[in-house]
Every structure is written in structure tokens, then in C-alpha cells.
Amino acid sequence: MMPDADGNTFLHIMALGVIKDTEYDFIKQMVIRHGLRLTCNKEGKTPLDLLRNNEGAQIALRGQPNFKRRILQFFETRLTEHPNFIDSTQKPVTHAAIEAGDIAAFKACLDAAGKDKY
């Protein structure tokens, strides 16, 4: 489930390839069982973005329905049911403070939120 050097998780890789029935079931089970979320790769794309971009390209599979379209529908349904299913593209304030090297701003964020939450 760890991303590769390009930030792609197994969901990104499966969204780029052909999805068969067993892979469709695997994706759904992993997302539901482990509470996986859609993350952005280094290009800022989530698996949902990749599926939406490739939706116009028809995949010809002998004897296989288009499971890529079904996984797209599953992701979209999951997103409406769980709005935090997809990572925000906006960095949290604490992350921005750390990147800027502003320790005082980071401490202020912790104090404002309560230290036990982090």
C-alpha cells in the first residue's frame, strides 16, 4: 500500500491498466476493509483523476465487462458517502509551517488545536 518513487499506490497502477473482475473485487475489498483513501501522486493526480481521464478510452476485453467504469462509479459513490475518501490537495497549516521552517507557527498550531490531537 506504500507509494512508489512517483507517489503511485496500487490504486494508481490499477487505474492505469486493465481491471478484471477479480481485481475489481480486490480493490473494493481493500478500500472498504482497510479504509483506504485516494492520495495524490507526484503529478497531483488521484486514482479517481486517472480513471476520469481515461473514461473516454474504451477498453475491448473479450468476455469481460468494463470493470474500469465500475471502479470509477465505486470511487465516486464512496466519495459522496465519505467526503474524506480523497486527500485534499491543499497542505495542512502545520505542514506548510514545517516546510517554511517556522517553528513558532507550528507550535501555535499545536497550541490552538490541543497538543494531544497531534
C-alpha atoms as a PDB file:
ATOM      1  CA  MET A   1       0.000   0.000   0.000  1.00  0.00           C
ATOM      2  CA  MET A   2       3.077   2.233   0.131  1.00  0.00           C
ATOM      3  CA  PRO A   3       3.562   4.615  -2.786  1.00  0.00           C
ATOM      4  CA  ASP A   4       6.402   4.093  -5.240  1.00  0.00           C
ATOM      5  CA  ALA A   5       9.012   6.698  -6.188  1.00  0.00           C
ATOM      6  CA  ASP A   6       6.410   8.557  -8.295  1.00  0.00           C
ATOM      7  CA  GLY A   7       3.870   8.589  -5.469  1.00  0.00           C
ATOM      8  CA  ASN A   8       1.683   5.953  -7.125  1.00  0.00           C
ATOM      9  CA  THR A   9      -0.114   3.460  -4.905  1.00  0.00           C
ATOM     10  CA  PHE A  10      -1.512   0.152  -6.148  1.00  0.00           C
ATOM     11  CA  LEU A  11      -4.785   2.024  -6.801  1.00  0.00           C
ATOM     12  CA  HIS A  12      -2.983   4.370  -9.225  1.00  0.00           C
ATOM     13  CA  ILE A  13      -1.353   1.444 -11.017  1.00  0.00           C
ATOM     14  CA  MET A  14      -4.615  -0.464 -11.329  1.00  0.00           C
ATOM     15  CA  ALA A  15      -6.385   2.680 -12.582  1.00  0.00           C
ATOM     16  CA  LEU A  16      -3.826   2.926 -15.394  1.00  0.00           C
ATOM     17  CA  GLY A  17      -4.193  -0.692 -16.507  1.00  0.00           C
ATOM     18  CA  VAL A  18      -6.983  -3.055 -17.428  1.00  0.00           C
ATOM     19  CA  ILE A  19      -9.171  -4.002 -14.476  1.00  0.00           C
ATOM     20  CA  LYS A  20     -10.574  -7.532 -14.471  1.00  0.00           C
ATOM     21  CA  ASP A  21     -13.359  -8.884 -12.290  1.00  0.00           C
ATOM     22  CA  THR A  22     -11.038 -10.297  -9.611  1.00  0.00           C
ATOM     23  CA  GLU A  23      -9.080  -7.030  -9.473  1.00  0.00           C
ATOM     24  CA  TYR A  24     -12.334  -5.090  -9.158  1.00  0.00           C
ATOM     25  CA  ASP A  25     -13.310  -7.215  -6.153  1.00  0.00           C
ATOM     26  CA  PHE A  26      -9.810  -6.834  -4.669  1.00  0.00           C
ATOM     27  CA  ILE A  27      -9.882  -3.032  -4.978  1.00  0.00           C
ATOM     28  CA  LYS A  28     -13.308  -2.786  -3.333  1.00  0.00           C
ATOM     29  CA  GLN A  29     -12.340  -5.126  -0.510  1.00  0.00           C
ATOM     30  CA  MET A  30      -9.092  -3.297   0.230  1.00  0.00           C
ATOM     31  CA  VAL A  31     -10.711   0.138   0.179  1.00  0.00           C
ATOM     32  CA  ILE A  32     -13.549  -0.934   2.458  1.00  0.00           C
ATOM     33  CA  ARG A  33     -11.639  -3.282   4.781  1.00  0.00           C
ATOM     34  CA  HIS A  34      -8.638  -1.022   5.357  1.00  0.00           C
ATOM     35  CA  GLY A  35     -10.379   2.340   4.992  1.00  0.00           C
ATOM     36  CA  LEU A  36      -8.032   3.362   2.175  1.00  0.00           C
ATOM     37  CA  ARG A  37      -8.183   6.873   0.842  1.00  0.00           C
ATOM     38  CA  LEU A  38      -7.326   8.212  -2.591  1.00  0.00           C
ATOM     39  CA  THR A  39      -3.994  10.001  -2.409  1.00  0.00           C
ATOM     40  CA  CYS A  40      -2.241  12.252  -4.899  1.00  0.00           C
ATOM     41  CA  ASN A  41       0.877  11.110  -6.724  1.00  0.00           C
ATOM     42  CA  LYS A  42       3.750  13.477  -7.535  1.00  0.00           C
ATOM     43  CA  GLU A  43       1.788  14.785 -10.520  1.00  0.00           C
ATOM     44  CA  GLY A  44      -1.081  15.709  -8.182  1.00  0.00           C
ATOM     45  CA  LYS A  45      -3.410  13.047  -9.583  1.00  0.00           C
ATOM     46  CA  THR A  46      -5.513  10.598  -7.620  1.00  0.00           C
ATOM     47  CA  PRO A  47      -6.648   7.203  -8.978  1.00  0.00           C
ATOM     48  CA  LEU A  48     -10.067   8.808  -9.474  1.00  0.00           C
ATOM     49  CA  ASP A  49      -8.493  11.507 -11.660  1.00  0.00           C
ATOM     50  CA  LEU A  50      -6.739   8.851 -13.727  1.00  0.00           C
ATOM     51  CA  LEU A  51      -9.972   6.922 -14.203  1.00  0.00           C
ATOM     52  CA  ARG A  52     -11.876  10.059 -15.180  1.00  0.00           C
ATOM     53  CA  ASN A  53      -9.189  10.995 -17.733  1.00  0.00           C
ATOM     54  CA  ASN A  54      -9.287   7.532 -19.302  1.00  0.00           C
ATOM     55  CA  GLU A  55     -13.075   7.199 -19.251  1.00  0.00           C
ATOM     56  CA  GLY A  56     -13.336   8.229 -22.900  1.00  0.00           C
ATOM     57  CA  ALA A  57     -10.951   5.471 -23.985  1.00  0.00           C
ATOM     58  CA  GLN A  58     -12.927   2.275 -24.471  1.00  0.00           C
ATOM     59  CA  ILE A  59     -11.260  -0.936 -23.443  1.00  0.00           C
ATOM     60  CA  ALA A  60     -12.005  -4.004 -25.517  1.00  0.00           C
ATOM     61  CA  LEU A  61     -11.988  -7.084 -23.321  1.00  0.00           C
ATOM     62  CA  ARG A  62     -13.232 -10.456 -24.508  1.00  0.00           C
ATOM     63  CA  GLY A  63     -15.862 -11.737 -22.135  1.00  0.00           C
ATOM     64  CA  GLN A  64     -15.069  -9.092 -19.500  1.00  0.00           C
ATOM     65  CA  PRO A  65     -17.373  -6.176 -18.744  1.00  0.00           C
ATOM     66  CA  ASN A  66     -15.773  -2.798 -18.306  1.00  0.00           C
ATOM     67  CA  PHE A  67     -14.691  -3.017 -14.671  1.00  0.00           C
ATOM     68  CA  LYS A  68     -12.724   0.216 -15.038  1.00  0.00           C
ATOM     69  CA  ARG A  69     -16.012   2.077 -15.377  1.00  0.00           C
ATOM     70  CA  ARG A  70     -17.408   0.164 -12.393  1.00  0.00           C
ATOM     71  CA  ILE A  71     -14.472   1.062 -10.175  1.00  0.00           C
ATOM     72  CA  LEU A  72     -14.887   4.696 -11.256  1.00  0.00           C
ATOM     73  CA  GLN A  73     -18.524   4.521 -10.146  1.00  0.00           C
ATOM     74  CA  PHE A  74     -17.495   2.833  -6.879  1.00  0.00           C
ATOM     75  CA  PHE A  75     -14.952   5.594  -6.140  1.00  0.00           C
ATOM     76  CA  GLU A  76     -17.473   8.337  -6.933  1.00  0.00           C
ATOM     77  CA  THR A  77     -20.138   6.701  -4.754  1.00  0.00           C
ATOM     78  CA  ARG A  78     -17.648   6.236  -1.935  1.00  0.00           C
ATOM     79  CA  LEU A  79     -16.659   9.903  -2.226  1.00  0.00           C
ATOM     80  CA  THR A  80     -20.266  11.069  -1.854  1.00  0.00           C
ATOM     81  CA  GLU A  81     -20.736   8.802   1.181  1.00  0.00           C
ATOM     82  CA  HIS A  82     -17.351   9.646   2.742  1.00  0.00           C
ATOM     83  CA  PRO A  83     -16.121  13.148   1.750  1.00  0.00           C
ATOM     84  CA  ASN A  84     -12.711  12.464   3.325  1.00  0.00           C
ATOM     85  CA  PHE A  85     -12.201   9.477   0.980  1.00  0.00           C
ATOM     86  CA  ILE A  86      -9.943  11.666  -1.151  1.00  0.00           C
ATOM     87  CA  ASP A  87      -6.946  13.563   0.186  1.00  0.00           C
ATOM     88  CA  SER A  88      -7.068  17.305  -0.015  1.00  0.00           C
ATOM     89  CA  THR A  89      -4.647  18.889  -2.463  1.00  0.00           C
ATOM     90  CA  GLN A  90      -4.191  21.746  -0.004  1.00  0.00           C
ATOM     91  CA  LYS A  91      -1.423  21.285   2.550  1.00  0.00           C
ATOM     92  CA  PRO A  92      -2.351  21.468   6.223  1.00  0.00           C
ATOM     93  CA  VAL A  93      -1.202  24.607   8.038  1.00  0.00           C
ATOM     94  CA  THR A  94       1.183  22.559  10.181  1.00  0.00           C
ATOM     95  CA  HIS A  95       2.847  21.060   7.085  1.00  0.00           C
ATOM     96  CA  ALA A  96       3.275  24.482   5.482  1.00  0.00           C
ATOM     97  CA  ALA A  97       4.837  25.826   8.708  1.00  0.00           C
ATOM     98  CA  ILE A  98       7.300  22.923   8.875  1.00  0.00           C
ATOM     99  CA  GLU A  99       8.300  23.334   5.213  1.00  0.00           C
ATOM    100  CA  ALA A 100       8.884  27.042   5.794  1.00  0.00           C
ATOM    101  CA  GLY A 101      10.955  26.264   8.888  1.00  0.00           C
ATOM    102  CA  ASP A 102       8.639  28.392  11.039  1.00  0.00           C
ATOM    103  CA  ILE A 103       8.720  26.554  14.355  1.00  0.00           C
ATOM    104  CA  ALA A 104       6.812  29.320  16.134  1.00  0.00           C
ATOM    105  CA  ALA A 105       3.887  28.998  13.697  1.00  0.00           C
ATOM    106  CA  PHE A 106       3.960  25.213  14.083  1.00  0.00           C
ATOM    107  CA  LYS A 107       3.846  25.484  17.890  1.00  0.00           C
ATOM    108  CA  ALA A 108       0.998  27.995  17.633  1.00  0.00           C
ATOM    109  CA  CYS A 109      -0.982  25.488  15.527  1.00  0.00           C
ATOM    110  CA  LEU A 110      -0.394  22.782  18.128  1.00  0.00           C
ATOM    111  CA  ASP A 111      -1.429  25.072  20.967  1.00  0.00           C
ATOM    112  CA  ALA A 112      -4.569  26.142  19.101  1.00  0.00           C
ATOM    113  CA  ALA A 113      -5.612  22.565  18.312  1.00  0.00           C
ATOM    114  CA  GLY A 114      -4.569  20.979  21.590  1.00  0.00           C
ATOM    115  CA  LYS A 115      -1.304  19.074  21.822  1.00  0.00           C
ATOM    116  CA  ASP A 116      -2.940  15.710  22.457  1.00  0.00           C
ATOM    117  CA  LYS A 117      -4.513  15.738  18.975  1.00  0.00           C
ATOM    118  CA  TYR A 118      -1.147  15.505  17.213  1.00  0.00           C
END
